Amino acid sequence: MSHKAGFVNIIGNPNVGKSTLMNAFVGEKLSIITSKAQTTRHRILGIVNGEDFQVVLSDTPGIIKPAYELQESMMGFVKSAFEDADVLIYMVEIGEQALKDEAFFKKITNSKIPVLLLLNKIDKSDQEQLEKQVQVWSEKVPNAEIYPVSALEGFNVKEVFNRIIELLPDSPPFYPKDQLTDKPERFFINETIREKILMHYKKEIPYAVEVDTEEFFEEEKIIRVRSVIMVERDTQKGIIIGHKGSALKRVGMEARKDLEAFFGKQIHIELYVKVNKNWRSNQNQLKRFGYNN
């Protein structure tokens, strides 16, 4: 029996629903989802296996014009997504007009590999607006197949996934068939904690934060975790902790709940906050946190 396998890379502007789509395909919450832009910082692989196929999906950071070293690294992950894709998913949302980086847009329109342009959040539009948007994008990206979708509601998601499988080359699997992602357990602990910070803190705070899980001990019935939340200034540390530790306690409780569902085990989390000045512009610190690799 023939077997198909390949890399399907999802790109687009910030906050268009790339992570929601990836999680819908995989059936697991691998990428964090919030209403804030620039939520995804890494390139995250999600692997979907069938008897005769393996789809290696890649969620990437939203395309922006970098303002500091961390954002430069994030755009490096996007560039790498063009290099190994067998199928490229370009995701836009209703009302959007263009990609925020002209060079990336030219790469899409000049792509020699199949491009699926997904017009997301159609649940927020009417038929007339949808038809106009399909016309606009078919002229802008004539090499793409266009699919209206709602990643959140699941509309057309299965149809797109079936089309992806059709487009994949014949190939043996790239990863073991029982593997879900390329990231280790600690990565998902870090991301879950960071998601709660994105949800509950405003302005600059979420973007000045990085999480580092220093200890991870898995026992038969419980996983014990010690994680450090890095901030850039002392004032940010105080805000993260909150009055008598109340804000930090909320982050820990909500993260524990999600992680217990993800791992299927009891989780014990110890959270600490440290100041790591200007880590977003420090090459050594960025490398330590998995950027600039």
C-alpha atoms as a PDB file:
ATOM      1  CA  MET A   1       0.000   0.000   0.000  1.00  0.00           C
ATOM      2  CA  SER A   2       1.346   3.438  -0.906  1.00  0.00           C
ATOM      3  CA  HIS A   3       2.039   5.910   1.906  1.00  0.00           C
ATOM      4  CA  LYS A   4       1.978   9.715   1.752  1.00  0.00           C
ATOM      5  CA  ALA A   5       3.913  12.061   4.010  1.00  0.00           C
ATOM      6  CA  GLY A   6       5.018  15.674   3.963  1.00  0.00           C
ATOM      7  CA  PHE A   7       5.397  19.022   5.653  1.00  0.00           C
ATOM      8  CA  VAL A   8       2.447  21.428   5.634  1.00  0.00           C
ATOM      9  CA  ASN A   9       3.431  24.872   6.864  1.00  0.00           C
ATOM     10  CA  ILE A  10       0.935  27.502   8.015  1.00  0.00           C
ATOM     11  CA  ILE A  11       1.832  31.181   7.607  1.00  0.00           C
ATOM     12  CA  GLY A  12      -0.022  34.498   7.823  1.00  0.00           C
ATOM     13  CA  ASN A  13      -0.373  37.758   9.716  1.00  0.00           C
ATOM     14  CA  PRO A  14      -0.664  37.735  13.522  1.00  0.00           C
ATOM     15  CA  ASN A  15      -3.951  36.626  15.034  1.00  0.00           C
ATOM     16  CA  VAL A  16      -5.596  35.238  11.882  1.00  0.00           C
ATOM     17  CA  GLY A  17      -6.237  31.807  13.440  1.00  0.00           C
ATOM     18  CA  LYS A  18      -3.149  29.771  12.495  1.00  0.00           C
ATOM     19  CA  SER A  19      -2.853  28.133  15.925  1.00  0.00           C
ATOM     20  CA  THR A  20      -6.598  27.407  16.073  1.00  0.00           C
ATOM     21  CA  LEU A  21      -6.359  25.663  12.690  1.00  0.00           C
ATOM     22  CA  MET A  22      -3.309  23.648  13.706  1.00  0.00           C
ATOM     23  CA  ASN A  23      -4.995  22.463  16.908  1.00  0.00           C
ATOM     24  CA  ALA A  24      -8.160  21.590  14.960  1.00  0.00           C
ATOM     25  CA  PHE A  25      -6.147  19.437  12.548  1.00  0.00           C
ATOM     26  CA  VAL A  26      -4.171  17.698  15.280  1.00  0.00           C
ATOM     27  CA  GLY A  27      -7.042  17.293  17.745  1.00  0.00           C
ATOM     28  CA  GLU A  28      -4.810  18.474  20.596  1.00  0.00           C
ATOM     29  CA  LYS A  29      -3.977  21.876  22.029  1.00  0.00           C
ATOM     30  CA  LEU A  30      -0.354  22.227  20.923  1.00  0.00           C
ATOM     31  CA  SER A  31      -0.296  25.946  20.102  1.00  0.00           C
ATOM     32  CA  ILE A  32      -1.518  28.564  22.560  1.00  0.00           C
ATOM     33  CA  ILE A  33      -4.440  30.690  21.467  1.00  0.00           C
ATOM     34  CA  THR A  34      -5.329  34.138  22.791  1.00  0.00           C
ATOM     35  CA  SER A  35      -6.856  37.298  21.360  1.00  0.00           C
ATOM     36  CA  LYS A  36      -3.464  39.033  21.577  1.00  0.00           C
ATOM     37  CA  ALA A  37      -1.179  39.260  18.554  1.00  0.00           C
ATOM     38  CA  GLN A  38       2.256  37.587  18.461  1.00  0.00           C
ATOM     39  CA  THR A  39       1.136  34.742  20.729  1.00  0.00           C
ATOM     40  CA  THR A  40       3.159  32.105  18.870  1.00  0.00           C
ATOM     41  CA  ARG A  41       6.915  32.634  19.163  1.00  0.00           C
ATOM     42  CA  HIS A  42       8.302  29.310  17.954  1.00  0.00           C
ATOM     43  CA  ARG A  43       7.738  27.030  15.017  1.00  0.00           C
ATOM     44  CA  ILE A  44       5.693  24.166  16.450  1.00  0.00           C
ATOM     45  CA  LEU A  45       5.158  20.853  14.682  1.00  0.00           C
ATOM     46  CA  GLY A  46       1.951  18.871  15.074  1.00  0.00           C
ATOM     47  CA  ILE A  47       1.900  15.371  13.562  1.00  0.00           C
ATOM     48  CA  VAL A  48      -1.293  13.735  12.285  1.00  0.00           C
ATOM     49  CA  ASN A  49      -1.022  10.042  11.437  1.00  0.00           C
ATOM     50  CA  GLY A  50      -3.285   7.750   9.447  1.00  0.00           C
ATOM     51  CA  GLU A  51      -2.758   4.237   8.183  1.00  0.00           C
ATOM     52  CA  ASP A  52      -1.476   5.476   4.823  1.00  0.00           C
ATOM     53  CA  PHE A  53      -0.412   9.074   5.577  1.00  0.00           C
ATOM     54  CA  GLN A  54       1.537  11.330   7.915  1.00  0.00           C
ATOM     55  CA  VAL A  55       0.881  15.079   7.850  1.00  0.00           C
ATOM     56  CA  VAL A  56       3.557  17.131   9.606  1.00  0.00           C
ATOM     57  CA  LEU A  57       1.905  20.488  10.319  1.00  0.00           C
ATOM     58  CA  SER A  58       3.902  23.542  11.266  1.00  0.00           C
ATOM     59  CA  ASP A  59       2.450  26.540  13.108  1.00  0.00           C
ATOM     60  CA  THR A  60       4.592  29.673  12.777  1.00  0.00           C
ATOM     61  CA  PRO A  61       4.660  33.139  14.379  1.00  0.00           C
ATOM     62  CA  GLY A  62       2.540  35.812  12.728  1.00  0.00           C
ATOM     63  CA  ILE A  63       4.419  37.843  10.135  1.00  0.00           C
ATOM     64  CA  ILE A  64       5.539  41.237  11.457  1.00  0.00           C
ATOM     65  CA  LYS A  65       8.278  43.776  10.851  1.00  0.00           C
ATOM     66  CA  PRO A  66      10.787  42.947  13.630  1.00  0.00           C
ATOM     67  CA  ALA A  67      11.504  45.618  16.244  1.00  0.00           C
ATOM     68  CA  TYR A  68      13.997  43.702  18.425  1.00  0.00           C
ATOM     69  CA  GLU A  69      16.094  40.520  18.479  1.00  0.00           C
ATOM     70  CA  LEU A  70      13.323  38.191  19.671  1.00  0.00           C
ATOM     71  CA  GLN A  71      11.083  39.249  16.777  1.00  0.00           C
ATOM     72  CA  GLU A  72      13.977  38.788  14.336  1.00  0.00           C
ATOM     73  CA  SER A  73      14.265  35.207  15.559  1.00  0.00           C
ATOM     74  CA  MET A  74      10.495  34.699  15.243  1.00  0.00           C
ATOM     75  CA  MET A  75      10.640  35.794  11.594  1.00  0.00           C
ATOM     76  CA  GLY A  76      13.539  33.371  11.114  1.00  0.00           C
ATOM     77  CA  PHE A  77      11.125  30.545  11.988  1.00  0.00           C
ATOM     78  CA  VAL A  78       8.727  31.848   9.317  1.00  0.00           C
ATOM     79  CA  LYS A  79      11.480  31.940   6.680  1.00  0.00           C
ATOM     80  CA  SER A  80      12.381  28.327   7.472  1.00  0.00           C
ATOM     81  CA  ALA A  81       8.748  27.363   6.865  1.00  0.00           C
ATOM     82  CA  PHE A  82       9.162  28.219   3.167  1.00  0.00           C
ATOM     83  CA  GLU A  83      12.232  26.026   2.812  1.00  0.00           C
ATOM     84  CA  ASP A  84      10.872  22.574   3.635  1.00  0.00           C
ATOM     85  CA  ALA A  85       7.148  22.807   2.817  1.00  0.00           C
ATOM     86  CA  ASP A  86       5.427  20.287   0.550  1.00  0.00           C
ATOM     87  CA  VAL A  87       2.190  22.254   0.894  1.00  0.00           C
ATOM     88  CA  LEU A  88       1.925  25.890   2.005  1.00  0.00           C
ATOM     89  CA  ILE A  89      -1.142  27.167   3.843  1.00  0.00           C
ATOM     90  CA  TYR A  90      -1.512  30.933   3.638  1.00  0.00           C
ATOM     91  CA  MET A  91      -4.124  32.006   6.152  1.00  0.00           C
ATOM     92  CA  VAL A  92      -5.979  35.318   5.972  1.00  0.00           C
ATOM     93  CA  GLU A  93      -9.108  36.564   7.688  1.00  0.00           C
ATOM     94  CA  ILE A  94     -12.207  38.279   6.359  1.00  0.00           C
ATOM     95  CA  GLY A  95     -11.466  41.955   5.678  1.00  0.00           C
ATOM     96  CA  GLU A  96      -7.703  41.509   5.464  1.00  0.00           C
ATOM     97  CA  GLN A  97      -6.009  43.041   2.434  1.00  0.00           C
ATOM     98  CA  ALA A  98      -2.339  42.016   2.405  1.00  0.00           C
ATOM     99  CA  LEU A  99       0.513  40.317   4.207  1.00  0.00           C
ATOM    100  CA  LYS A 100       2.505  42.713   6.387  1.00  0.00           C
ATOM    101  CA  ASP A 101       5.769  41.857   4.636  1.00  0.00           C
ATOM    102  CA  GLU A 102       5.967  42.288   0.858  1.00  0.00           C
ATOM    103  CA  ALA A 103       8.936  39.919   0.492  1.00  0.00           C
ATOM    104  CA  PHE A 104       7.015  37.071   2.151  1.00  0.00           C
ATOM    105  CA  PHE A 105       4.004  37.823  -0.045  1.00  0.00           C
ATOM    106  CA  LYS A 106       6.115  37.523  -3.206  1.00  0.00           C
ATOM    107  CA  LYS A 107       7.423  34.175  -1.983  1.00  0.00           C
ATOM    108  CA  ILE A 108       3.839  32.938  -1.738  1.00  0.00           C
ATOM    109  CA  THR A 109       2.755  34.190  -5.163  1.00  0.00           C
ATOM    110  CA  ASN A 110       5.926  32.769  -6.757  1.00  0.00           C
ATOM    111  CA  SER A 111       5.703  29.442  -4.923  1.00  0.00           C
ATOM    112  CA  LYS A 112       6.390  26.294  -6.954  1.00  0.00           C
ATOM    113  CA  ILE A 113       4.638  24.121  -4.357  1.00  0.00           C
ATOM    114  CA  PRO A 114       0.843  23.907  -3.856  1.00  0.00           C
ATOM    115  CA  VAL A 115      -0.625  26.873  -1.957  1.00  0.00           C
ATOM    116  CA  LEU A 116      -3.935  26.655  -0.103  1.00  0.00           C
ATOM    117  CA  LEU A 117      -5.275  30.097   0.790  1.00  0.00           C
ATOM    118  CA  LEU A 118      -7.659  29.769   3.721  1.00  0.00           C
ATOM    119  CA  LEU A 119     -10.068  32.653   4.205  1.00  0.00           C
ATOM    120  CA  ASN A 120     -10.728  32.306   7.931  1.00  0.00           C
ATOM    121  CA  LYS A 121     -13.386  33.652  10.325  1.00  0.00           C
ATOM    122  CA  ILE A 122     -16.142  33.480   7.712  1.00  0.00           C
ATOM    123  CA  ASP A 123     -18.594  33.052  10.593  1.00  0.00           C
ATOM    124  CA  LYS A 124     -18.105  36.823  11.065  1.00  0.00           C
ATOM    125  CA  SER A 125     -19.131  37.711   7.492  1.00  0.00           C
ATOM    126  CA  ASP A 126     -22.100  37.498   5.128  1.00  0.00           C
ATOM    127  CA  GLN A 127     -22.282  35.873   1.689  1.00  0.00           C
ATOM    128  CA  GLU A 128     -21.756  39.126  -0.233  1.00  0.00           C
ATOM    129  CA  GLN A 129     -18.626  40.041   1.708  1.00  0.00           C
ATOM    130  CA  LEU A 130     -17.315  36.498   1.364  1.00  0.00           C
ATOM    131  CA  GLU A 131     -17.732  36.495  -2.415  1.00  0.00           C
ATOM    132  CA  LYS A 132     -15.932  39.840  -2.685  1.00  0.00           C
ATOM    133  CA  GLN A 133     -13.043  38.558  -0.553  1.00  0.00           C
ATOM    134  CA  VAL A 134     -12.715  35.385  -2.615  1.00  0.00           C
ATOM    135  CA  GLN A 135     -12.512  37.537  -5.751  1.00  0.00           C
ATOM    136  CA  VAL A 136      -9.873  39.855  -4.196  1.00  0.00           C
ATOM    137  CA  TRP A 137      -7.624  37.000  -3.100  1.00  0.00           C
ATOM    138  CA  SER A 138      -8.006  34.981  -6.289  1.00  0.00           C
ATOM    139  CA  GLU A 139      -6.583  38.004  -8.147  1.00  0.00           C
ATOM    140  CA  LYS A 140      -3.796  38.619  -5.602  1.00  0.00           C
ATOM    141  CA  VAL A 141      -2.697  34.980  -5.311  1.00  0.00           C
ATOM    142  CA  PRO A 142      -3.680  33.344  -8.607  1.00  0.00           C
ATOM    143  CA  ASN A 143      -1.552  30.265  -7.872  1.00  0.00           C
ATOM    144  CA  ALA A 144      -3.587  29.375  -4.755  1.00  0.00           C
ATOM    145  CA  GLU A 145      -6.617  27.194  -4.159  1.00  0.00           C
ATOM    146  CA  ILE A 146      -9.006  29.240  -2.004  1.00  0.00           C
ATOM    147  CA  TYR A 147     -11.074  27.727   0.811  1.00  0.00           C
ATOM    148  CA  PRO A 148     -13.433  29.714   3.053  1.00  0.00           C
ATOM    149  CA  VAL A 149     -13.097  28.265   6.577  1.00  0.00           C
ATOM    150  CA  SER A 150     -13.909  28.828  10.196  1.00  0.00           C
ATOM    151  CA  ALA A 151     -11.113  27.188  12.182  1.00  0.00           C
ATOM    152  CA  LEU A 152     -12.933  27.952  15.431  1.00  0.00           C
ATOM    153  CA  GLU A 153     -16.259  26.463  14.305  1.00  0.00           C
ATOM    154  CA  GLY A 154     -14.667  23.652  12.296  1.00  0.00           C
ATOM    155  CA  PHE A 155     -16.285  24.702   9.016  1.00  0.00           C
ATOM    156  CA  ASN A 156     -14.471  23.248   5.960  1.00  0.00           C
ATOM    157  CA  VAL A 157     -11.537  22.081   8.154  1.00  0.00           C
ATOM    158  CA  LYS A 158     -12.011  18.408   7.258  1.00  0.00           C
ATOM    159  CA  GLU A 159     -12.322  19.237   3.547  1.00  0.00           C
ATOM    160  CA  VAL A 160      -9.041  21.201   3.640  1.00  0.00           C
ATOM    161  CA  PHE A 161      -7.308  18.360   5.478  1.00  0.00           C
ATOM    162  CA  ASN A 162      -8.483  15.833   2.870  1.00  0.00           C
ATOM    163  CA  ARG A 163      -7.126  18.100   0.117  1.00  0.00           C
ATOM    164  CA  ILE A 164      -3.774  18.309   1.950  1.00  0.00           C
ATOM    165  CA  ILE A 165      -3.496  14.511   1.939  1.00  0.00           C
ATOM    166  CA  GLU A 166      -4.209  14.454  -1.806  1.00  0.00           C
ATOM    167  CA  LEU A 167      -1.395  16.953  -2.421  1.00  0.00           C
ATOM    168  CA  LEU A 168       1.257  15.175  -0.328  1.00  0.00           C
ATOM    169  CA  PRO A 169       4.004  13.236  -2.120  1.00  0.00           C
ATOM    170  CA  ASP A 170       4.434   9.480  -1.754  1.00  0.00           C
ATOM    171  CA  SER A 171       6.859   9.049   1.115  1.00  0.00           C
ATOM    172  CA  PRO A 172       7.483   6.921   4.192  1.00  0.00           C
ATOM    173  CA  PRO A 173       6.711   8.657   7.521  1.00  0.00           C
ATOM    174  CA  PHE A 174       9.253  11.154   8.862  1.00  0.00           C
ATOM    175  CA  TYR A 175       8.406  10.506  12.538  1.00  0.00           C
ATOM    176  CA  PRO A 176       7.259   7.482  14.562  1.00  0.00           C
ATOM    177  CA  LYS A 177       3.548   6.900  14.023  1.00  0.00           C
ATOM    178  CA  ASP A 178       2.702   7.454  17.691  1.00  0.00           C
ATOM    179  CA  GLN A 179       4.478  10.836  17.892  1.00  0.00           C
ATOM    180  CA  LEU A 180       2.304  13.949  18.256  1.00  0.00           C
ATOM    181  CA  THR A 181       4.892  16.764  18.096  1.00  0.00           C
ATOM    182  CA  ASP A 182       8.607  17.537  17.918  1.00  0.00           C
ATOM    183  CA  LYS A 183       8.591  19.496  21.183  1.00  0.00           C
ATOM    184  CA  PRO A 184       9.494  18.084  24.641  1.00  0.00           C
ATOM    185  CA  GLU A 185       7.169  18.101  27.666  1.00  0.00           C
ATOM    186  CA  ARG A 186       8.846  21.154  29.183  1.00  0.00           C
ATOM    187  CA  PHE A 187       7.986  23.221  26.098  1.00  0.00           C
ATOM    188  CA  PHE A 188       4.250  22.673  26.639  1.00  0.00           C
ATOM    189  CA  ILE A 189       4.536  23.531  30.317  1.00  0.00           C
ATOM    190  CA  ASN A 190       6.288  26.784  29.401  1.00  0.00           C
ATOM    191  CA  GLU A 191       3.718  27.614  26.726  1.00  0.00           C
ATOM    192  CA  THR A 192       0.731  26.843  28.962  1.00  0.00           C
ATOM    193  CA  ILE A 193       2.042  29.136  31.702  1.00  0.00           C
ATOM    194  CA  ARG A 194       2.795  31.834  29.117  1.00  0.00           C
ATOM    195  CA  GLU A 195      -0.730  31.521  27.726  1.00  0.00           C
ATOM    196  CA  LYS A 196      -2.212  32.290  31.155  1.00  0.00           C
ATOM    197  CA  ILE A 197       0.017  35.351  31.421  1.00  0.00           C
ATOM    198  CA  LEU A 198      -1.141  36.518  27.980  1.00  0.00           C
ATOM    199  CA  MET A 199      -4.742  36.118  29.106  1.00  0.00           C
ATOM    200  CA  HIS A 200      -4.522  37.939  32.438  1.00  0.00           C
ATOM    201  CA  TYR A 201      -1.936  40.722  32.040  1.00  0.00           C
ATOM    202  CA  LYS A 202      -2.093  43.803  29.844  1.00  0.00           C
ATOM    203  CA  LYS A 203       0.134  46.081  27.777  1.00  0.00           C
ATOM    204  CA  GLU A 204       3.815  45.163  27.671  1.00  0.00           C
ATOM    205  CA  ILE A 205       3.831  42.526  30.418  1.00  0.00           C
ATOM    206  CA  PRO A 206       3.033  39.403  28.306  1.00  0.00           C
ATOM    207  CA  TYR A 207       5.617  40.330  25.677  1.00  0.00           C
ATOM    208  CA  ALA A 208       8.360  40.876  28.266  1.00  0.00           C
ATOM    209  CA  VAL A 209       7.824  37.370  29.691  1.00  0.00           C
ATOM    210  CA  GLU A 210       9.564  34.093  28.973  1.00  0.00           C
ATOM    211  CA  VAL A 211       9.046  30.864  30.938  1.00  0.00           C
ATOM    212  CA  ASP A 212      11.775  28.337  31.730  1.00  0.00           C
ATOM    213  CA  THR A 213      10.925  24.990  33.336  1.00  0.00           C
ATOM    214  CA  GLU A 214      13.987  24.123  35.396  1.00  0.00           C
ATOM    215  CA  GLU A 215      12.723  20.867  36.916  1.00  0.00           C
ATOM    216  CA  PHE A 216      10.430  18.180  35.530  1.00  0.00           C
ATOM    217  CA  PHE A 217       9.998  14.965  37.523  1.00  0.00           C
ATOM    218  CA  GLU A 218       7.465  12.407  36.312  1.00  0.00           C
ATOM    219  CA  GLU A 219       6.225   9.816  38.765  1.00  0.00           C
ATOM    220  CA  GLU A 220       3.569   7.148  38.276  1.00  0.00           C
ATOM    221  CA  LYS A 221       0.623   9.342  39.272  1.00  0.00           C
ATOM    222  CA  ILE A 222       2.034  12.880  39.412  1.00  0.00           C
ATOM    223  CA  ILE A 223       4.358  15.226  37.539  1.00  0.00           C
ATOM    224  CA  ARG A 224       6.298  17.709  39.673  1.00  0.00           C
ATOM    225  CA  VAL A 225       7.338  20.916  37.932  1.00  0.00           C
ATOM    226  CA  ARG A 226       9.431  23.933  38.919  1.00  0.00           C
ATOM    227  CA  SER A 227       9.135  26.826  36.459  1.00  0.00           C
ATOM    228  CA  VAL A 228      10.604  30.319  36.419  1.00  0.00           C
ATOM    229  CA  ILE A 229       8.832  33.274  34.833  1.00  0.00           C
ATOM    230  CA  MET A 230      11.409  35.706  33.441  1.00  0.00           C
ATOM    231  CA  VAL A 231      10.622  39.422  33.200  1.00  0.00           C
ATOM    232  CA  GLU A 232      12.772  42.379  32.164  1.00  0.00           C
ATOM    233  CA  ARG A 233      12.189  44.809  35.048  1.00  0.00           C
ATOM    234  CA  ASP A 234      11.503  44.799  38.798  1.00  0.00           C
ATOM    235  CA  THR A 235       8.179  46.597  38.272  1.00  0.00           C
ATOM    236  CA  GLN A 236       7.051  43.781  35.979  1.00  0.00           C
ATOM    237  CA  LYS A 237       7.981  41.228  38.624  1.00  0.00           C
ATOM    238  CA  GLY A 238       5.672  42.922  41.111  1.00  0.00           C
ATOM    239  CA  ILE A 239       2.802  42.984  38.630  1.00  0.00           C
ATOM    240  CA  ILE A 240       3.217  39.284  37.779  1.00  0.00           C
ATOM    241  CA  ILE A 241       3.191  38.298  41.468  1.00  0.00           C
ATOM    242  CA  GLY A 242       0.291  40.585  42.423  1.00  0.00           C
ATOM    243  CA  HIS A 243      -1.028  41.496  45.877  1.00  0.00           C
ATOM    244  CA  LYS A 244       0.142  38.832  48.350  1.00  0.00           C
ATOM    245  CA  GLY A 245       0.955  36.548  45.403  1.00  0.00           C
ATOM    246  CA  SER A 246      -2.662  36.379  44.223  1.00  0.00           C
ATOM    247  CA  ALA A 247      -1.965  36.986  40.515  1.00  0.00           C
ATOM    248  CA  LEU A 248       0.824  34.398  40.354  1.00  0.00           C
ATOM    249  CA  LYS A 249      -1.349  31.885  42.211  1.00  0.00           C
ATOM    250  CA  ARG A 250      -4.101  32.296  39.587  1.00  0.00           C
ATOM    251  CA  VAL A 251      -1.626  31.662  36.763  1.00  0.00           C
ATOM    252  CA  GLY A 252      -0.406  28.513  38.502  1.00  0.00           C
ATOM    253  CA  MET A 253      -3.884  27.162  39.192  1.00  0.00           C
ATOM    254  CA  GLU A 254      -5.130  27.693  35.620  1.00  0.00           C
ATOM    255  CA  ALA A 255      -1.950  26.284  34.077  1.00  0.00           C
ATOM    256  CA  ARG A 256      -2.147  23.208  36.332  1.00  0.00           C
ATOM    257  CA  LYS A 257      -5.729  22.531  35.237  1.00  0.00           C
ATOM    258  CA  ASP A 258      -4.832  22.629  31.523  1.00  0.00           C
ATOM    259  CA  LEU A 259      -1.659  20.588  31.990  1.00  0.00           C
ATOM    260  CA  GLU A 260      -3.472  17.870  33.912  1.00  0.00           C
ATOM    261  CA  ALA A 261      -5.853  17.527  30.956  1.00  0.00           C
ATOM    262  CA  PHE A 262      -2.924  17.493  28.501  1.00  0.00           C
ATOM    263  CA  PHE A 263      -0.755  14.937  30.353  1.00  0.00           C
ATOM    264  CA  GLY A 264      -3.582  12.933  31.921  1.00  0.00           C
ATOM    265  CA  LYS A 265      -1.866  13.087  35.318  1.00  0.00           C
ATOM    266  CA  GLN A 266      -1.889  15.135  38.476  1.00  0.00           C
ATOM    267  CA  ILE A 267       0.452  18.139  38.213  1.00  0.00           C
ATOM    268  CA  HIS A 268       2.238  19.960  41.013  1.00  0.00           C
ATOM    269  CA  ILE A 269       3.661  23.342  39.910  1.00  0.00           C
ATOM    270  CA  GLU A 270       6.025  25.634  41.752  1.00  0.00           C
ATOM    271  CA  LEU A 271       6.230  29.071  40.119  1.00  0.00           C
ATOM    272  CA  TYR A 272       8.921  31.696  40.677  1.00  0.00           C
ATOM    273  CA  VAL A 273       9.522  35.093  39.088  1.00  0.00           C
ATOM    274  CA  LYS A 274      12.986  36.430  38.227  1.00  0.00           C
ATOM    275  CA  VAL A 275      14.261  39.595  36.549  1.00  0.00           C
ATOM    276  CA  ASN A 276      16.357  38.889  33.446  1.00  0.00           C
ATOM    277  CA  LYS A 277      17.104  42.343  32.061  1.00  0.00           C
ATOM    278  CA  ASN A 278      16.628  42.903  28.322  1.00  0.00           C
ATOM    279  CA  TRP A 279      16.502  39.172  27.549  1.00  0.00           C
ATOM    280  CA  ARG A 280      14.570  39.899  24.327  1.00  0.00           C
ATOM    281  CA  SER A 281      17.608  41.677  22.869  1.00  0.00           C
ATOM    282  CA  ASN A 282      20.285  39.354  24.276  1.00  0.00           C
ATOM    283  CA  GLN A 283      21.543  36.759  21.789  1.00  0.00           C
ATOM    284  CA  ASN A 284      22.791  34.384  24.491  1.00  0.00           C
ATOM    285  CA  GLN A 285      19.516  34.502  26.401  1.00  0.00           C
ATOM    286  CA  LEU A 286      17.497  34.001  23.216  1.00  0.00           C
ATOM    287  CA  LYS A 287      19.555  30.943  22.349  1.00  0.00           C
ATOM    288  CA  ARG A 288      19.008  29.581  25.854  1.00  0.00           C
ATOM    289  CA  PHE A 289      15.226  29.869  25.384  1.00  0.00           C
ATOM    290  CA  GLY A 290      15.287  28.087  22.024  1.00  0.00           C
ATOM    291  CA  TYR A 291      15.437  31.061  19.668  1.00  0.00           C
ATOM    292  CA  ASN A 292      18.195  31.793  17.136  1.00  0.00           C
ATOM    293  CA  ASN A 293      19.020  28.084  16.834  1.00  0.00           C
END
